[in-house]
Amino acid sequence: MSHTITVRLGKDLAAWLEETATRTGVAQGQIVREHLQKAKAARRNRPFMRLAGAVRGPRTLSRRKGFSAS
């Protein structure tokens, strides 16, 4: 099954996409699909990111004299 979406690109990104498609001979849609698939795969390869922001404690974890921010 195929789904179609419309995406508005800025001039810089549109120019990059057009130039890349011309240089490589790959359709613009295929380039977008490949990058979306890479982004999806990268998300699965980073399970540790679920812990981002979960550490609790003082802003500066250093207790050594001269390294404290306060």
PDB file of N, CA and C in Angstrom:
ATOM      1  N   MET A   1       0.836  -1.163   0.000  1.00  0.00           N
ATOM      2  CA  MET A   1       0.000   0.000   0.000  1.00  0.00           C
ATOM      3  C   MET A   1       0.891   1.238   0.000  1.00  0.00           C
ATOM      4  N   SER A   2       0.484   2.234  -0.727  1.00  0.00           N
ATOM      5  CA  SER A   2       1.281   3.446  -0.867  1.00  0.00           C
ATOM      6  C   SER A   2       0.583   4.620  -0.201  1.00  0.00           C
ATOM      7  N   HIS A   3       1.361   5.431   0.495  1.00  0.00           N
ATOM      8  CA  HIS A   3       0.836   6.642   1.125  1.00  0.00           C
ATOM      9  C   HIS A   3       1.596   7.824   0.559  1.00  0.00           C
ATOM     10  N   THR A   4       0.872   8.893   0.295  1.00  0.00           N
ATOM     11  CA  THR A   4       1.485  10.094  -0.250  1.00  0.00           C
ATOM     12  C   THR A   4       1.388  11.206   0.778  1.00  0.00           C
ATOM     13  N   ILE A   5       2.500  11.928   0.971  1.00  0.00           N
ATOM     14  CA  ILE A   5       2.493  13.099   1.847  1.00  0.00           C
ATOM     15  C   ILE A   5       3.062  14.279   1.079  1.00  0.00           C
ATOM     16  N   THR A   6       2.716  15.453   1.532  1.00  0.00           N
ATOM     17  CA  THR A   6       3.259  16.678   0.955  1.00  0.00           C
ATOM     18  C   THR A   6       4.101  17.354   2.019  1.00  0.00           C
ATOM     19  N   VAL A   7       5.315  17.735   1.651  1.00  0.00           N
ATOM     20  CA  VAL A   7       6.226  18.371   2.587  1.00  0.00           C
ATOM     21  C   VAL A   7       6.712  19.677   1.976  1.00  0.00           C
ATOM     22  N   ARG A   8       6.660  20.748   2.744  1.00  0.00           N
ATOM     23  CA  ARG A   8       7.180  22.029   2.274  1.00  0.00           C
ATOM     24  C   ARG A   8       8.637  22.131   2.717  1.00  0.00           C
ATOM     25  N   LEU A   9       9.504  22.380   1.763  1.00  0.00           N
ATOM     26  CA  LEU A   9      10.933  22.496   2.045  1.00  0.00           C
ATOM     27  C   LEU A   9      11.379  23.931   1.852  1.00  0.00           C
ATOM     28  N   GLY A  10      12.351  24.338   2.645  1.00  0.00           N
ATOM     29  CA  GLY A  10      12.965  25.639   2.451  1.00  0.00           C
ATOM     30  C   GLY A  10      13.817  25.613   1.186  1.00  0.00           C
ATOM     31  N   LYS A  11      14.227  26.773   0.738  1.00  0.00           N
ATOM     32  CA  LYS A  11      15.005  26.861  -0.504  1.00  0.00           C
ATOM     33  C   LYS A  11      16.294  26.058  -0.429  1.00  0.00           C
ATOM     34  N   ASP A  12      17.004  26.139   0.703  1.00  0.00           N
ATOM     35  CA  ASP A  12      18.279  25.431   0.836  1.00  0.00           C
ATOM     36  C   ASP A  12      18.100  23.923   0.757  1.00  0.00           C
ATOM     37  N   LEU A  13      17.123  23.409   1.492  1.00  0.00           N
ATOM     38  CA  LEU A  13      16.891  21.969   1.509  1.00  0.00           C
ATOM     39  C   LEU A  13      16.377  21.474   0.163  1.00  0.00           C
ATOM     40  N   ALA A  14      15.507  22.251  -0.473  1.00  0.00           N
ATOM     41  CA  ALA A  14      14.994  21.873  -1.788  1.00  0.00           C
ATOM     42  C   ALA A  14      16.123  21.848  -2.820  1.00  0.00           C
ATOM     43  N   ALA A  15      17.019  22.821  -2.739  1.00  0.00           N
ATOM     44  CA  ALA A  15      18.152  22.865  -3.664  1.00  0.00           C
ATOM     45  C   ALA A  15      19.079  21.678  -3.433  1.00  0.00           C
ATOM     46  N   TRP A  16      19.333  21.338  -2.159  1.00  0.00           N
ATOM     47  CA  TRP A  16      20.181  20.189  -1.845  1.00  0.00           C
ATOM     48  C   TRP A  16      19.557  18.911  -2.384  1.00  0.00           C
ATOM     49  N   LEU A  17      18.256  18.739  -2.184  1.00  0.00           N
ATOM     50  CA  LEU A  17      17.572  17.534  -2.638  1.00  0.00           C
ATOM     51  C   LEU A  17      17.622  17.420  -4.157  1.00  0.00           C
ATOM     52  N   GLU A  18      17.374  18.503  -4.840  1.00  0.00           N
ATOM     53  CA  GLU A  18      17.400  18.503  -6.305  1.00  0.00           C
ATOM     54  C   GLU A  18      18.813  18.213  -6.826  1.00  0.00           C
ATOM     55  N   GLU A  19      19.821  18.855  -6.234  1.00  0.00           N
ATOM     56  CA  GLU A  19      21.203  18.652  -6.667  1.00  0.00           C
ATOM     57  C   GLU A  19      21.653  17.215  -6.398  1.00  0.00           C
ATOM     58  N   THR A  20      21.290  16.672  -5.249  1.00  0.00           N
ATOM     59  CA  THR A  20      21.663  15.300  -4.909  1.00  0.00           C
ATOM     60  C   THR A  20      20.999  14.306  -5.849  1.00  0.00           C
ATOM     61  N   ALA A  21      19.737  14.529  -6.163  1.00  0.00           N
ATOM     62  CA  ALA A  21      19.025  13.639  -7.078  1.00  0.00           C
ATOM     63  C   ALA A  21      19.646  13.685  -8.476  1.00  0.00           C
ATOM     64  N   THR A  22      19.993  14.863  -8.932  1.00  0.00           N
ATOM     65  CA  THR A  22      20.614  15.015 -10.245  1.00  0.00           C
ATOM     66  C   THR A  22      21.990  14.352 -10.289  1.00  0.00           C
ATOM     67  N   ARG A  23      22.782  14.600  -9.242  1.00  0.00           N
ATOM     68  CA  ARG A  23      24.150  14.064  -9.192  1.00  0.00           C
ATOM     69  C   ARG A  23      24.167  12.541  -9.100  1.00  0.00           C
ATOM     70  N   THR A  24      23.260  11.969  -8.312  1.00  0.00           N
ATOM     71  CA  THR A  24      23.267  10.525  -8.093  1.00  0.00           C
ATOM     72  C   THR A  24      22.385   9.754  -9.060  1.00  0.00           C
ATOM     73  N   GLY A  25      21.472  10.434  -9.716  1.00  0.00           N
ATOM     74  CA  GLY A  25      20.554   9.757 -10.629  1.00  0.00           C
ATOM     75  C   GLY A  25      19.433   9.015  -9.900  1.00  0.00           C
ATOM     76  N   VAL A  26      19.245   9.360  -8.633  1.00  0.00           N
ATOM     77  CA  VAL A  26      18.205   8.737  -7.813  1.00  0.00           C
ATOM     78  C   VAL A  26      17.055   9.731  -7.674  1.00  0.00           C
ATOM     79  N   ALA A  27      15.834   9.238  -7.749  1.00  0.00           N
ATOM     80  CA  ALA A  27      14.667  10.109  -7.642  1.00  0.00           C
ATOM     81  C   ALA A  27      14.615  10.786  -6.280  1.00  0.00           C
ATOM     82  N   GLN A  28      14.091  12.002  -6.238  1.00  0.00           N
ATOM     83  CA  GLN A  28      13.993  12.753  -4.992  1.00  0.00           C
ATOM     84  C   GLN A  28      13.181  11.989  -3.951  1.00  0.00           C
ATOM     85  N   GLY A  29      12.095  11.365  -4.369  1.00  0.00           N
ATOM     86  CA  GLY A  29      11.265  10.592  -3.445  1.00  0.00           C
ATOM     87  C   GLY A  29      12.032   9.439  -2.823  1.00  0.00           C
ATOM     88  N   GLN A  30      12.881   8.791  -3.613  1.00  0.00           N
ATOM     89  CA  GLN A  30      13.683   7.678  -3.098  1.00  0.00           C
ATOM     90  C   GLN A  30      14.697   8.175  -2.068  1.00  0.00           C
ATOM     91  N   ILE A  31      15.287   9.328  -2.314  1.00  0.00           N
ATOM     92  CA  ILE A  31      16.240   9.909  -1.355  1.00  0.00           C
ATOM     93  C   ILE A  31      15.531  10.184  -0.031  1.00  0.00           C
ATOM     94  N   VAL A  32      14.343  10.763  -0.098  1.00  0.00           N
ATOM     95  CA  VAL A  32      13.575  11.067   1.114  1.00  0.00           C
ATOM     96  C   VAL A  32      13.222   9.773   1.846  1.00  0.00           C
ATOM     97  N   ARG A  33      12.752   8.753   1.109  1.00  0.00           N
ATOM     98  CA  ARG A  33      12.406   7.470   1.736  1.00  0.00           C
ATOM     99  C   ARG A  33      13.604   6.844   2.428  1.00  0.00           C
ATOM    100  N   GLU A  34      14.770   6.869   1.773  1.00  0.00           N
ATOM    101  CA  GLU A  34      15.975   6.281   2.361  1.00  0.00           C
ATOM    102  C   GLU A  34      16.366   6.997   3.655  1.00  0.00           C
ATOM    103  N   HIS A  35      16.282   8.322   3.657  1.00  0.00           N
ATOM    104  CA  HIS A  35      16.640   9.073   4.857  1.00  0.00           C
ATOM    105  C   HIS A  35      15.635   8.832   5.989  1.00  0.00           C
ATOM    106  N   LEU A  36      14.363   8.680   5.647  1.00  0.00           N
ATOM    107  CA  LEU A  36      13.370   8.363   6.674  1.00  0.00           C
ATOM    108  C   LEU A  36      13.619   6.978   7.258  1.00  0.00           C
ATOM    109  N   GLN A  37      13.982   6.023   6.404  1.00  0.00           N
ATOM    110  CA  GLN A  37      14.277   4.673   6.888  1.00  0.00           C
ATOM    111  C   GLN A  37      15.506   4.670   7.791  1.00  0.00           C
ATOM    112  N   LYS A  38      16.530   5.457   7.441  1.00  0.00           N
ATOM    113  CA  LYS A  38      17.723   5.561   8.284  1.00  0.00           C
ATOM    114  C   LYS A  38      17.383   6.179   9.634  1.00  0.00           C
ATOM    115  N   ALA A  39      16.541   7.198   9.645  1.00  0.00           N
ATOM    116  CA  ALA A  39      16.143   7.846  10.899  1.00  0.00           C
ATOM    117  C   ALA A  39      15.364   6.870  11.772  1.00  0.00           C
ATOM    118  N   LYS A  40      14.506   6.092  11.144  1.00  0.00           N
ATOM    119  CA  LYS A  40      13.727   5.096  11.891  1.00  0.00           C
ATOM    120  C   LYS A  40      14.654   4.041  12.495  1.00  0.00           C
ATOM    121  N   ALA A  41      15.621   3.561  11.728  1.00  0.00           N
ATOM    122  CA  ALA A  41      16.552   2.541  12.205  1.00  0.00           C
ATOM    123  C   ALA A  41      17.453   3.098  13.307  1.00  0.00           C
ATOM    124  N   ALA A  42      17.867   4.344  13.192  1.00  0.00           N
ATOM    125  CA  ALA A  42      18.744   4.953  14.187  1.00  0.00           C
ATOM    126  C   ALA A  42      18.036   5.067  15.532  1.00  0.00           C
ATOM    127  N   ARG A  43      16.758   5.299  15.513  1.00  0.00           N
ATOM    128  CA  ARG A  43      15.999   5.407  16.758  1.00  0.00           C
ATOM    129  C   ARG A  43      16.013   4.084  17.510  1.00  0.00           C
ATOM    130  N   ARG A  44      15.943   2.972  16.812  1.00  0.00           N
ATOM    131  CA  ARG A  44      15.944   1.664  17.449  1.00  0.00           C
ATOM    132  C   ARG A  44      17.313   1.311  18.012  1.00  0.00           C
ATOM    133  N   ASN A  45      18.364   1.868  17.464  1.00  0.00           N
ATOM    134  CA  ASN A  45      19.712   1.526  17.884  1.00  0.00           C
ATOM    135  C   ASN A  45      20.194   2.346  19.072  1.00  0.00           C
ATOM    136  N   ARG A  46      19.331   3.131  19.675  1.00  0.00           N
ATOM    137  CA  ARG A  46      19.745   3.984  20.786  1.00  0.00           C
ATOM    138  C   ARG A  46      18.832   3.797  21.999  1.00  0.00           C
ATOM    139  N   PRO A  47      18.713   2.569  22.512  1.00  0.00           N
ATOM    140  CA  PRO A  47      17.798   2.348  23.637  1.00  0.00           C
ATOM    141  C   PRO A  47      18.215   3.093  24.900  1.00  0.00           C
ATOM    142  N   PHE A  48      19.501   3.430  25.020  1.00  0.00           N
ATOM    143  CA  PHE A  48      19.966   4.146  26.195  1.00  0.00           C
ATOM    144  C   PHE A  48      19.374   5.541  26.278  1.00  0.00           C
ATOM    145  N   MET A  49      18.875   6.070  25.174  1.00  0.00           N
ATOM    146  CA  MET A  49      18.334   7.425  25.170  1.00  0.00           C
ATOM    147  C   MET A  49      17.062   7.529  26.024  1.00  0.00           C
ATOM    148  N   ARG A  50      16.440   6.403  26.360  1.00  0.00           N
ATOM    149  CA  ARG A  50      15.262   6.463  27.218  1.00  0.00           C
ATOM    150  C   ARG A  50      15.636   6.988  28.601  1.00  0.00           C
ATOM    151  N   LEU A  51      16.929   6.930  28.929  1.00  0.00           N
ATOM    152  CA  LEU A  51      17.405   7.407  30.218  1.00  0.00           C
ATOM    153  C   LEU A  51      17.805   8.877  30.197  1.00  0.00           C
ATOM    154  N   ALA A  52      17.795   9.501  29.042  1.00  0.00           N
ATOM    155  CA  ALA A  52      18.219  10.902  28.933  1.00  0.00           C
ATOM    156  C   ALA A  52      17.359  11.783  29.836  1.00  0.00           C
ATOM    157  N   GLY A  53      17.990  12.553  30.661  1.00  0.00           N
ATOM    158  CA  GLY A  53      17.286  13.450  31.562  1.00  0.00           C
ATOM    159  C   GLY A  53      16.769  12.777  32.819  1.00  0.00           C
ATOM    160  N   ALA A  54      17.084  11.513  33.016  1.00  0.00           N
ATOM    161  CA  ALA A  54      16.552  10.776  34.154  1.00  0.00           C
ATOM    162  C   ALA A  54      17.451  10.846  35.383  1.00  0.00           C
ATOM    163  N   VAL A  55      18.643  11.384  35.252  1.00  0.00           N
ATOM    164  CA  VAL A  55      19.574  11.445  36.378  1.00  0.00           C
ATOM    165  C   VAL A  55      19.173  12.584  37.298  1.00  0.00           C
ATOM    166  N   ARG A  56      19.071  12.286  38.557  1.00  0.00           N
ATOM    167  CA  ARG A  56      18.699  13.304  39.535  1.00  0.00           C
ATOM    168  C   ARG A  56      19.912  13.597  40.412  1.00  0.00           C
ATOM    169  N   GLY A  57      20.016  14.802  40.872  1.00  0.00           N
ATOM    170  CA  GLY A  57      21.132  15.157  41.726  1.00  0.00           C
ATOM    171  C   GLY A  57      21.489  16.614  41.552  1.00  0.00           C
ATOM    172  N   PRO A  58      22.576  17.022  42.174  1.00  0.00           N
ATOM    173  CA  PRO A  58      22.973  18.419  42.050  1.00  0.00           C
ATOM    174  C   PRO A  58      23.386  18.741  40.610  1.00  0.00           C
ATOM    175  N   ARG A  59      23.286  20.022  40.256  1.00  0.00           N
ATOM    176  CA  ARG A  59      23.651  20.433  38.898  1.00  0.00           C
ATOM    177  C   ARG A  59      25.088  20.069  38.575  1.00  0.00           C
ATOM    178  N   THR A  60      25.957  20.207  39.532  1.00  0.00           N
ATOM    179  CA  THR A  60      27.346  19.831  39.327  1.00  0.00           C
ATOM    180  C   THR A  60      27.626  18.611  40.190  1.00  0.00           C
ATOM    181  N   LEU A  61      28.009  17.546  39.579  1.00  0.00           N
ATOM    182  CA  LEU A  61      28.247  16.309  40.311  1.00  0.00           C
ATOM    183  C   LEU A  61      29.631  16.283  40.945  1.00  0.00           C
ATOM    184  N   SER A  62      30.466  17.223  40.573  1.00  0.00           N
ATOM    185  CA  SER A  62      31.818  17.261  41.113  1.00  0.00           C
ATOM    186  C   SER A  62      31.815  17.794  42.539  1.00  0.00           C
ATOM    187  N   ARG A  63      32.520  17.126  43.433  1.00  0.00           N
ATOM    188  CA  ARG A  63      32.622  17.562  44.819  1.00  0.00           C
ATOM    189  C   ARG A  63      34.052  18.025  45.140  1.00  0.00           C
ATOM    190  N   ARG A  64      34.937  17.922  44.157  1.00  0.00           N
ATOM    191  CA  ARG A  64      36.325  18.316  44.400  1.00  0.00           C
ATOM    192  C   ARG A  64      36.442  19.833  44.519  1.00  0.00           C
ATOM    193  N   LYS A  65      37.265  20.257  45.454  1.00  0.00           N
ATOM    194  CA  LYS A  65      37.477  21.675  45.673  1.00  0.00           C
ATOM    195  C   LYS A  65      38.031  22.320  44.400  1.00  0.00           C
ATOM    196  N   GLY A  66      37.488  23.459  44.060  1.00  0.00           N
ATOM    197  CA  GLY A  66      37.924  24.187  42.882  1.00  0.00           C
ATOM    198  C   GLY A  66      37.155  23.811  41.636  1.00  0.00           C
ATOM    199  N   PHE A  67      36.333  22.755  41.695  1.00  0.00           N
ATOM    200  CA  PHE A  67      35.566  22.332  40.536  1.00  0.00           C
ATOM    201  C   PHE A  67      34.076  22.613  40.700  1.00  0.00           C
ATOM    202  N   SER A  68      33.687  23.105  41.859  1.00  0.00           N
ATOM    203  CA  SER A  68      32.290  23.377  42.127  1.00  0.00           C
ATOM    204  C   SER A  68      31.868  24.660  41.424  1.00  0.00           C
ATOM    205  N   ALA A  69      30.663  24.679  40.905  1.00  0.00           N
ATOM    206  CA  ALA A  69      30.151  25.867  40.221  1.00  0.00           C
ATOM    207  C   ALA A  69      29.657  26.918  41.208  1.00  0.00           C
ATOM    208  N   SER A  70      29.429  26.551  42.463  1.00  0.00           N
ATOM    209  CA  SER A  70      28.883  27.505  43.431  1.00  0.00           C
ATOM    210  C   SER A  70      29.954  28.268  44.160  1.00  0.00           C
TER     211      SER A  70
END
